[in-house]
Amino acid sequence: MITPVDGFDLEKYLGTWYEIARMPAPFEKGLVAVTATYGLKENGMVSVVNQGHKKTADGKISIARGKAKFAGEPSKGHLRVSFFWIFFGDYIIVDLDKANYQHALVCSPPKYAWILCRAPRLDKAILDKLIDKLKTLGYDTLRLIAVPQ
C-alpha cells in the first residue's frame, strides 16, 4: 500500500522541482530537462506547470498545464492532479525531506513515479535511498529513467 507523508505543508512544497528520475510515461517520452512548478491559485487549488525539452536541453519545449487539489486532509501529501478537464489522477508524496523540502518521491499508482529535487542534481546517497523505497513499493526500478538536466 502506498501511504502519503504526514505533516505535509503545501506552502513549503510550492515552487519549482527538477525531475531527477521517473518511471516511463508516454506523456513524457523523450523529454529531458524536466521541471514541475506548483503555485497556489485564488480558488485554493494548486496550479501545475510541467515543462521539458524534446531530446536535448535546447530542444523544443513541451509544456503541460494542470491543476491539483487535496485528496483528503491538507496535512497528508496526497493530491489529485488533472491535465485533462475533469479527469484526476493520484499524486502521492511518499517520501519528503520535511526539514527543508529539498527532495521528494512521488507515486501515481500503479505505474508512474518521480524523484524530484529543488536542484538539478541530487546527492547519490539520497537518490539510492529513494530508489530503494520505490522498489519496496513494488515498482520495477530497473525501468527507472534518469532525466538529464
N, C-alpha and C. Protein backbone atom coordinates (compact mmCIF):
# COMPACT_ATOMS: atom_id res chain seq x y z
N MET A 1 0.84 -1.19 0.00
CA MET A 1 0.00 0.00 0.00
C MET A 1 0.88 1.26 0.00
N ILE A 2 0.49 2.20 -0.79
CA ILE A 2 1.25 3.45 -0.90
C ILE A 2 0.62 4.49 0.02
N THR A 3 1.40 4.93 0.99
CA THR A 3 0.91 5.85 2.01
C THR A 3 1.56 7.22 1.86
N PRO A 4 0.76 8.28 1.86
CA PRO A 4 1.34 9.63 1.75
C PRO A 4 2.03 10.05 3.04
N VAL A 5 2.97 10.98 2.91
CA VAL A 5 3.63 11.52 4.10
C VAL A 5 2.62 12.29 4.95
N ASP A 6 2.87 12.30 6.24
CA ASP A 6 2.09 13.09 7.20
C ASP A 6 2.81 14.40 7.46
N GLY A 7 2.10 15.38 7.98
CA GLY A 7 2.72 16.66 8.33
C GLY A 7 3.11 17.46 7.11
N PHE A 8 2.40 17.26 6.01
CA PHE A 8 2.70 17.93 4.75
C PHE A 8 2.33 19.42 4.84
N ASP A 9 3.20 20.27 4.28
CA ASP A 9 2.97 21.71 4.26
C ASP A 9 3.01 22.19 2.81
N LEU A 10 1.86 22.45 2.24
CA LEU A 10 1.76 22.84 0.83
C LEU A 10 2.59 24.08 0.53
N GLU A 11 2.56 25.07 1.43
CA GLU A 11 3.30 26.31 1.19
C GLU A 11 4.79 26.03 0.95
N LYS A 12 5.36 25.10 1.72
CA LYS A 12 6.77 24.75 1.56
C LYS A 12 7.01 23.96 0.27
N TYR A 13 6.00 23.26 -0.21
CA TYR A 13 6.14 22.41 -1.39
C TYR A 13 6.04 23.21 -2.70
N LEU A 14 5.35 24.35 -2.64
CA LEU A 14 5.16 25.16 -3.84
C LEU A 14 6.51 25.60 -4.42
N GLY A 15 6.50 25.90 -5.71
CA GLY A 15 7.72 26.34 -6.38
C GLY A 15 8.14 25.31 -7.42
N THR A 16 9.39 25.39 -7.84
CA THR A 16 9.90 24.55 -8.92
C THR A 16 10.71 23.38 -8.38
N TRP A 17 10.45 22.22 -8.98
CA TRP A 17 11.16 20.99 -8.69
C TRP A 17 11.76 20.46 -9.99
N TYR A 18 12.97 19.93 -9.92
CA TYR A 18 13.61 19.28 -11.06
C TYR A 18 13.32 17.79 -11.02
N GLU A 19 13.01 17.22 -12.16
CA GLU A 19 12.77 15.79 -12.26
C GLU A 19 14.12 15.10 -12.40
N ILE A 20 14.49 14.32 -11.40
CA ILE A 20 15.77 13.64 -11.38
C ILE A 20 15.65 12.28 -12.06
N ALA A 21 14.55 11.59 -11.80
CA ALA A 21 14.30 10.28 -12.40
C ALA A 21 12.79 10.05 -12.44
N ARG A 22 12.38 9.16 -13.37
CA ARG A 22 10.96 8.84 -13.49
C ARG A 22 10.78 7.43 -14.03
N MET A 23 9.63 6.88 -13.73
CA MET A 23 9.22 5.65 -14.39
C MET A 23 8.72 6.06 -15.77
N PRO A 24 8.86 5.18 -16.77
CA PRO A 24 8.42 5.54 -18.13
C PRO A 24 6.96 5.99 -18.16
N ALA A 25 6.73 7.09 -18.86
CA ALA A 25 5.38 7.64 -19.01
C ALA A 25 5.24 8.13 -20.45
N PRO A 26 4.22 7.69 -21.16
CA PRO A 26 4.08 8.10 -22.56
C PRO A 26 3.99 9.61 -22.74
N PHE A 27 3.42 10.31 -21.77
CA PHE A 27 3.27 11.76 -21.88
C PHE A 27 4.58 12.50 -21.63
N GLU A 28 5.64 11.79 -21.23
CA GLU A 28 6.95 12.41 -21.04
C GLU A 28 8.02 11.79 -21.93
N LYS A 29 7.60 10.97 -22.88
CA LYS A 29 8.56 10.26 -23.72
C LYS A 29 9.51 11.24 -24.43
N GLY A 30 10.81 10.98 -24.28
CA GLY A 30 11.82 11.79 -24.95
C GLY A 30 12.10 13.14 -24.32
N LEU A 31 11.48 13.44 -23.18
CA LEU A 31 11.70 14.75 -22.56
C LEU A 31 12.90 14.72 -21.62
N VAL A 32 13.68 15.79 -21.67
CA VAL A 32 14.82 15.99 -20.77
C VAL A 32 14.68 17.38 -20.15
N ALA A 33 15.53 17.67 -19.19
CA ALA A 33 15.50 18.98 -18.50
C ALA A 33 14.07 19.30 -18.07
N VAL A 34 13.44 18.34 -17.40
CA VAL A 34 12.04 18.46 -16.99
C VAL A 34 11.93 19.12 -15.61
N THR A 35 11.00 20.05 -15.50
CA THR A 35 10.68 20.66 -14.21
C THR A 35 9.18 20.62 -13.98
N ALA A 36 8.80 20.70 -12.73
CA ALA A 36 7.40 20.82 -12.34
C ALA A 36 7.32 22.03 -11.40
N THR A 37 6.42 22.96 -11.71
CA THR A 37 6.28 24.16 -10.89
C THR A 37 4.86 24.21 -10.35
N TYR A 38 4.76 24.37 -9.04
CA TYR A 38 3.46 24.39 -8.35
C TYR A 38 3.24 25.77 -7.75
N GLY A 39 2.02 26.25 -7.89
CA GLY A 39 1.64 27.55 -7.33
C GLY A 39 0.25 27.47 -6.74
N LEU A 40 -0.10 28.45 -5.94
CA LEU A 40 -1.43 28.47 -5.32
C LEU A 40 -2.35 29.35 -6.15
N LYS A 41 -3.50 28.80 -6.51
CA LYS A 41 -4.49 29.54 -7.29
C LYS A 41 -5.43 30.27 -6.33
N GLU A 42 -6.11 31.28 -6.83
CA GLU A 42 -7.04 32.06 -5.99
C GLU A 42 -8.16 31.21 -5.42
N ASN A 43 -8.55 30.15 -6.14
CA ASN A 43 -9.65 29.30 -5.68
C ASN A 43 -9.19 28.23 -4.69
N GLY A 44 -7.92 28.27 -4.29
CA GLY A 44 -7.41 27.32 -3.32
C GLY A 44 -6.80 26.08 -3.95
N MET A 45 -7.00 25.90 -5.24
CA MET A 45 -6.38 24.76 -5.92
C MET A 45 -4.91 25.09 -6.20
N VAL A 46 -4.19 24.10 -6.66
CA VAL A 46 -2.77 24.25 -6.97
C VAL A 46 -2.60 24.27 -8.48
N SER A 47 -1.88 25.25 -8.99
CA SER A 47 -1.55 25.25 -10.42
C SER A 47 -0.34 24.36 -10.61
N VAL A 48 -0.33 23.62 -11.72
CA VAL A 48 0.75 22.70 -12.04
C VAL A 48 1.23 23.03 -13.45
N VAL A 49 2.53 23.29 -13.59
CA VAL A 49 3.12 23.52 -14.91
C VAL A 49 4.32 22.58 -15.03
N ASN A 50 4.15 21.56 -15.89
CA ASN A 50 5.24 20.64 -16.18
C ASN A 50 5.85 21.05 -17.50
N GLN A 51 7.17 21.12 -17.51
CA GLN A 51 7.87 21.60 -18.70
C GLN A 51 9.12 20.77 -18.93
N GLY A 52 9.36 20.43 -20.19
CA GLY A 52 10.56 19.70 -20.55
C GLY A 52 10.95 20.02 -21.97
N HIS A 53 12.13 19.57 -22.36
CA HIS A 53 12.63 19.80 -23.71
C HIS A 53 12.69 18.47 -24.45
N LYS A 54 12.37 18.49 -25.70
CA LYS A 54 12.39 17.26 -26.50
C LYS A 54 13.82 16.90 -26.86
N LYS A 55 14.23 15.73 -26.43
CA LYS A 55 15.51 15.07 -26.75
C LYS A 55 16.76 15.72 -26.19
N THR A 56 16.91 17.06 -26.31
CA THR A 56 18.10 17.73 -25.78
C THR A 56 17.67 18.96 -24.98
N ALA A 57 18.56 19.46 -24.13
CA ALA A 57 18.25 20.60 -23.27
C ALA A 57 17.92 21.86 -24.06
N ASP A 58 18.31 21.92 -25.35
CA ASP A 58 17.92 23.07 -26.15
C ASP A 58 16.91 22.68 -27.23
N GLY A 59 16.27 21.52 -27.04
CA GLY A 59 15.23 21.09 -27.96
C GLY A 59 13.93 21.85 -27.72
N LYS A 60 12.95 21.57 -28.55
CA LYS A 60 11.64 22.23 -28.46
C LYS A 60 11.02 22.00 -27.08
N ILE A 61 10.45 23.07 -26.52
CA ILE A 61 9.85 22.99 -25.19
C ILE A 61 8.44 22.40 -25.28
N SER A 62 8.17 21.49 -24.36
CA SER A 62 6.84 20.89 -24.23
C SER A 62 6.31 21.31 -22.86
N ILE A 63 5.12 21.92 -22.83
CA ILE A 63 4.53 22.40 -21.57
C ILE A 63 3.16 21.79 -21.38
N ALA A 64 2.91 21.29 -20.17
CA ALA A 64 1.59 20.78 -19.80
C ALA A 64 1.13 21.56 -18.57
N ARG A 65 -0.05 22.14 -18.67
CA ARG A 65 -0.62 22.91 -17.55
C ARG A 65 -1.78 22.13 -16.96
N GLY A 66 -1.81 22.11 -15.64
CA GLY A 66 -2.87 21.38 -14.97
C GLY A 66 -3.23 22.04 -13.65
N LYS A 67 -3.97 21.29 -12.87
CA LYS A 67 -4.41 21.77 -11.55
C LYS A 67 -4.42 20.59 -10.60
N ALA A 68 -4.37 20.89 -9.32
CA ALA A 68 -4.38 19.85 -8.31
C ALA A 68 -5.21 20.30 -7.12
N LYS A 69 -5.71 19.31 -6.41
CA LYS A 69 -6.46 19.56 -5.17
C LYS A 69 -6.12 18.43 -4.20
N PHE A 70 -6.32 18.67 -2.94
CA PHE A 70 -6.05 17.65 -1.94
C PHE A 70 -7.05 16.51 -2.08
N ALA A 71 -6.55 15.28 -1.91
CA ALA A 71 -7.41 14.11 -1.96
C ALA A 71 -8.16 13.95 -0.64
N GLY A 72 -7.62 14.52 0.41
CA GLY A 72 -8.22 14.42 1.74
C GLY A 72 -7.71 15.56 2.59
N GLU A 73 -7.16 15.22 3.75
CA GLU A 73 -6.63 16.23 4.66
C GLU A 73 -5.42 16.95 4.07
N PRO A 74 -5.34 18.26 4.21
CA PRO A 74 -4.18 19.02 3.70
C PRO A 74 -2.86 18.66 4.39
N SER A 75 -2.92 17.99 5.54
CA SER A 75 -1.68 17.61 6.23
C SER A 75 -1.09 16.31 5.68
N LYS A 76 -1.79 15.69 4.75
CA LYS A 76 -1.31 14.47 4.09
C LYS A 76 -0.82 14.84 2.70
N GLY A 77 0.28 14.26 2.28
CA GLY A 77 0.86 14.54 0.97
C GLY A 77 0.19 13.76 -0.15
N HIS A 78 -1.12 13.90 -0.26
CA HIS A 78 -1.87 13.19 -1.31
C HIS A 78 -2.76 14.19 -2.03
N LEU A 79 -2.39 14.45 -3.28
CA LEU A 79 -3.19 15.35 -4.11
C LEU A 79 -3.78 14.57 -5.28
N ARG A 80 -4.73 15.19 -5.93
CA ARG A 80 -5.31 14.65 -7.16
C ARG A 80 -5.02 15.70 -8.23
N VAL A 81 -4.36 15.28 -9.31
CA VAL A 81 -3.90 16.19 -10.35
C VAL A 81 -4.66 15.93 -11.65
N SER A 82 -4.98 17.02 -12.35
CA SER A 82 -5.68 16.91 -13.62
C SER A 82 -5.00 17.76 -14.69
N PHE A 83 -4.77 17.15 -15.83
CA PHE A 83 -4.30 17.87 -17.01
C PHE A 83 -5.36 17.83 -18.10
N PHE A 84 -6.39 17.01 -17.87
CA PHE A 84 -7.43 16.81 -18.88
C PHE A 84 -8.80 17.01 -18.28
N TRP A 85 -9.25 18.25 -18.27
CA TRP A 85 -10.59 18.63 -17.88
C TRP A 85 -10.97 18.10 -16.51
N ILE A 86 -11.81 17.08 -16.41
CA ILE A 86 -12.31 16.61 -15.11
C ILE A 86 -11.65 15.31 -14.65
N PHE A 87 -10.67 14.83 -15.39
CA PHE A 87 -10.04 13.55 -15.04
C PHE A 87 -8.84 13.80 -14.14
N PHE A 88 -8.92 13.26 -12.93
CA PHE A 88 -7.87 13.47 -11.93
C PHE A 88 -7.15 12.16 -11.65
N GLY A 89 -5.83 12.25 -11.42
CA GLY A 89 -5.03 11.10 -11.04
C GLY A 89 -4.33 11.35 -9.72
N ASP A 90 -3.96 10.27 -9.06
CA ASP A 90 -3.29 10.39 -7.77
C ASP A 90 -1.88 10.94 -7.91
N TYR A 91 -1.50 11.77 -6.96
CA TYR A 91 -0.16 12.34 -6.83
C TYR A 91 0.14 12.17 -5.35
N ILE A 92 0.83 11.07 -5.03
CA ILE A 92 1.06 10.72 -3.63
C ILE A 92 2.53 10.92 -3.29
N ILE A 93 2.80 11.84 -2.39
CA ILE A 93 4.16 12.11 -1.95
C ILE A 93 4.45 11.09 -0.85
N VAL A 94 5.32 10.12 -1.16
CA VAL A 94 5.58 9.02 -0.23
C VAL A 94 6.87 9.21 0.56
N ASP A 95 7.72 10.11 0.10
CA ASP A 95 8.94 10.42 0.83
C ASP A 95 9.25 11.89 0.57
N LEU A 96 9.66 12.59 1.62
CA LEU A 96 9.88 14.03 1.52
C LEU A 96 10.89 14.47 2.55
N ASP A 97 11.79 15.33 2.13
CA ASP A 97 12.72 15.97 3.06
C ASP A 97 11.91 17.02 3.81
N LYS A 98 11.31 16.61 4.92
CA LYS A 98 10.41 17.52 5.65
C LYS A 98 11.13 18.70 6.30
N ALA A 99 12.42 18.55 6.55
CA ALA A 99 13.17 19.64 7.17
C ALA A 99 13.30 20.83 6.22
N ASN A 100 13.61 20.56 4.95
CA ASN A 100 13.89 21.65 4.02
C ASN A 100 13.12 21.59 2.70
N TYR A 101 12.34 20.51 2.50
CA TYR A 101 11.59 20.33 1.25
C TYR A 101 12.52 20.43 0.05
N GLN A 102 13.62 19.66 0.08
CA GLN A 102 14.61 19.70 -1.00
C GLN A 102 14.53 18.50 -1.94
N HIS A 103 13.93 17.41 -1.51
CA HIS A 103 13.75 16.25 -2.39
C HIS A 103 12.45 15.52 -2.01
N ALA A 104 11.91 14.83 -3.02
CA ALA A 104 10.64 14.12 -2.80
C ALA A 104 10.55 12.92 -3.73
N LEU A 105 9.79 11.93 -3.28
CA LEU A 105 9.43 10.77 -4.10
C LEU A 105 7.92 10.79 -4.23
N VAL A 106 7.45 10.85 -5.48
CA VAL A 106 6.01 10.96 -5.76
C VAL A 106 5.58 9.74 -6.57
N CYS A 107 4.45 9.15 -6.19
CA CYS A 107 3.92 8.00 -6.91
C CYS A 107 2.51 8.29 -7.41
N SER A 108 2.22 7.74 -8.57
CA SER A 108 0.87 7.73 -9.12
C SER A 108 0.61 6.29 -9.53
N PRO A 109 0.14 5.49 -8.57
CA PRO A 109 0.00 4.06 -8.81
C PRO A 109 -0.97 3.77 -9.96
N PRO A 110 -0.76 2.68 -10.65
CA PRO A 110 0.21 1.63 -10.32
C PRO A 110 1.55 1.74 -11.03
N LYS A 111 1.70 2.64 -12.00
CA LYS A 111 2.94 2.57 -12.77
C LYS A 111 3.81 3.80 -12.83
N TYR A 112 3.33 4.96 -12.45
CA TYR A 112 4.13 6.17 -12.58
C TYR A 112 4.75 6.57 -11.25
N ALA A 113 5.96 7.16 -11.34
CA ALA A 113 6.65 7.65 -10.14
C ALA A 113 7.73 8.63 -10.58
N TRP A 114 8.03 9.57 -9.70
CA TRP A 114 9.03 10.60 -9.97
C TRP A 114 9.89 10.84 -8.74
N ILE A 115 11.17 11.06 -8.98
CA ILE A 115 12.08 11.52 -7.93
C ILE A 115 12.38 12.97 -8.28
N LEU A 116 12.06 13.86 -7.35
CA LEU A 116 12.16 15.30 -7.57
C LEU A 116 13.16 15.93 -6.61
N CYS A 117 13.75 17.04 -7.05
CA CYS A 117 14.71 17.77 -6.22
C CYS A 117 14.61 19.26 -6.54
N ARG A 118 14.92 20.09 -5.60
CA ARG A 118 14.91 21.54 -5.83
C ARG A 118 16.08 21.99 -6.70
N ALA A 119 17.10 21.15 -6.81
CA ALA A 119 18.28 21.45 -7.62
C ALA A 119 18.34 20.44 -8.77
N PRO A 120 19.08 20.75 -9.83
CA PRO A 120 19.17 19.84 -10.97
C PRO A 120 19.89 18.52 -10.66
N ARG A 121 20.56 18.44 -9.54
CA ARG A 121 21.27 17.21 -9.16
C ARG A 121 20.89 16.84 -7.73
N LEU A 122 20.90 15.53 -7.48
CA LEU A 122 20.55 15.01 -6.16
C LEU A 122 21.71 14.14 -5.67
N ASP A 123 22.07 14.30 -4.41
CA ASP A 123 23.12 13.50 -3.79
C ASP A 123 22.85 12.01 -4.03
N LYS A 124 23.88 11.27 -4.42
CA LYS A 124 23.72 9.86 -4.77
C LYS A 124 23.16 9.03 -3.63
N ALA A 125 23.57 9.30 -2.41
CA ALA A 125 23.07 8.53 -1.26
C ALA A 125 21.56 8.73 -1.09
N ILE A 126 21.10 9.95 -1.28
CA ILE A 126 19.66 10.23 -1.17
C ILE A 126 18.92 9.58 -2.34
N LEU A 127 19.48 9.69 -3.54
CA LEU A 127 18.87 9.07 -4.71
C LEU A 127 18.75 7.57 -4.51
N ASP A 128 19.80 6.93 -4.04
CA ASP A 128 19.76 5.48 -3.80
C ASP A 128 18.69 5.12 -2.77
N LYS A 129 18.56 5.93 -1.72
CA LYS A 129 17.54 5.68 -0.69
C LYS A 129 16.13 5.76 -1.29
N LEU A 130 15.91 6.75 -2.15
CA LEU A 130 14.59 6.92 -2.77
C LEU A 130 14.30 5.80 -3.77
N ILE A 131 15.31 5.35 -4.48
CA ILE A 131 15.13 4.22 -5.40
C ILE A 131 14.80 2.96 -4.62
N ASP A 132 15.49 2.74 -3.50
CA ASP A 132 15.19 1.58 -2.65
C ASP A 132 13.74 1.62 -2.15
N LYS A 133 13.29 2.81 -1.76
CA LYS A 133 11.91 2.95 -1.29
C LYS A 133 10.93 2.63 -2.42
N LEU A 134 11.23 3.10 -3.61
CA LEU A 134 10.38 2.84 -4.77
C LEU A 134 10.28 1.34 -5.03
N LYS A 135 11.39 0.67 -4.87
CA LYS A 135 11.41 -0.79 -5.05
C LYS A 135 10.52 -1.48 -4.01
N THR A 136 10.60 -1.03 -2.75
CA THR A 136 9.77 -1.64 -1.71
C THR A 136 8.28 -1.41 -1.95
N LEU A 137 7.96 -0.38 -2.73
CA LEU A 137 6.56 -0.09 -3.06
C LEU A 137 6.07 -0.91 -4.26
N GLY A 138 6.96 -1.76 -4.80
CA GLY A 138 6.56 -2.66 -5.87
C GLY A 138 6.88 -2.18 -7.28
N TYR A 139 7.63 -1.10 -7.40
CA TYR A 139 8.00 -0.59 -8.73
C TYR A 139 9.24 -1.33 -9.23
N ASP A 140 9.28 -1.59 -10.54
CA ASP A 140 10.44 -2.20 -11.18
C ASP A 140 11.46 -1.09 -11.45
N THR A 141 12.36 -0.89 -10.52
CA THR A 141 13.29 0.24 -10.61
C THR A 141 14.34 0.08 -11.72
N LEU A 142 14.42 -1.11 -12.32
CA LEU A 142 15.31 -1.28 -13.46
C LEU A 142 14.78 -0.49 -14.66
N ARG A 143 13.51 -0.13 -14.64
CA ARG A 143 12.90 0.65 -15.71
C ARG A 143 13.02 2.16 -15.47
N LEU A 144 13.53 2.55 -14.31
CA LEU A 144 13.65 3.96 -13.94
C LEU A 144 14.54 4.70 -14.94
N ILE A 145 14.09 5.85 -15.38
CA ILE A 145 14.81 6.66 -16.34
C ILE A 145 15.47 7.83 -15.61
N ALA A 146 16.79 7.96 -15.73
CA ALA A 146 17.49 9.13 -15.20
C ALA A 146 17.23 10.28 -16.17
N VAL A 147 16.80 11.42 -15.67
CA VAL A 147 16.44 12.54 -16.52
C VAL A 147 17.61 13.53 -16.60
N PRO A 148 18.21 13.67 -17.78
CA PRO A 148 19.29 14.65 -17.91
C PRO A 148 18.78 16.06 -17.64
N GLN A 149 19.52 16.80 -16.83
CA GLN A 149 19.18 18.19 -16.54
C GLN A 149 20.24 19.07 -17.15
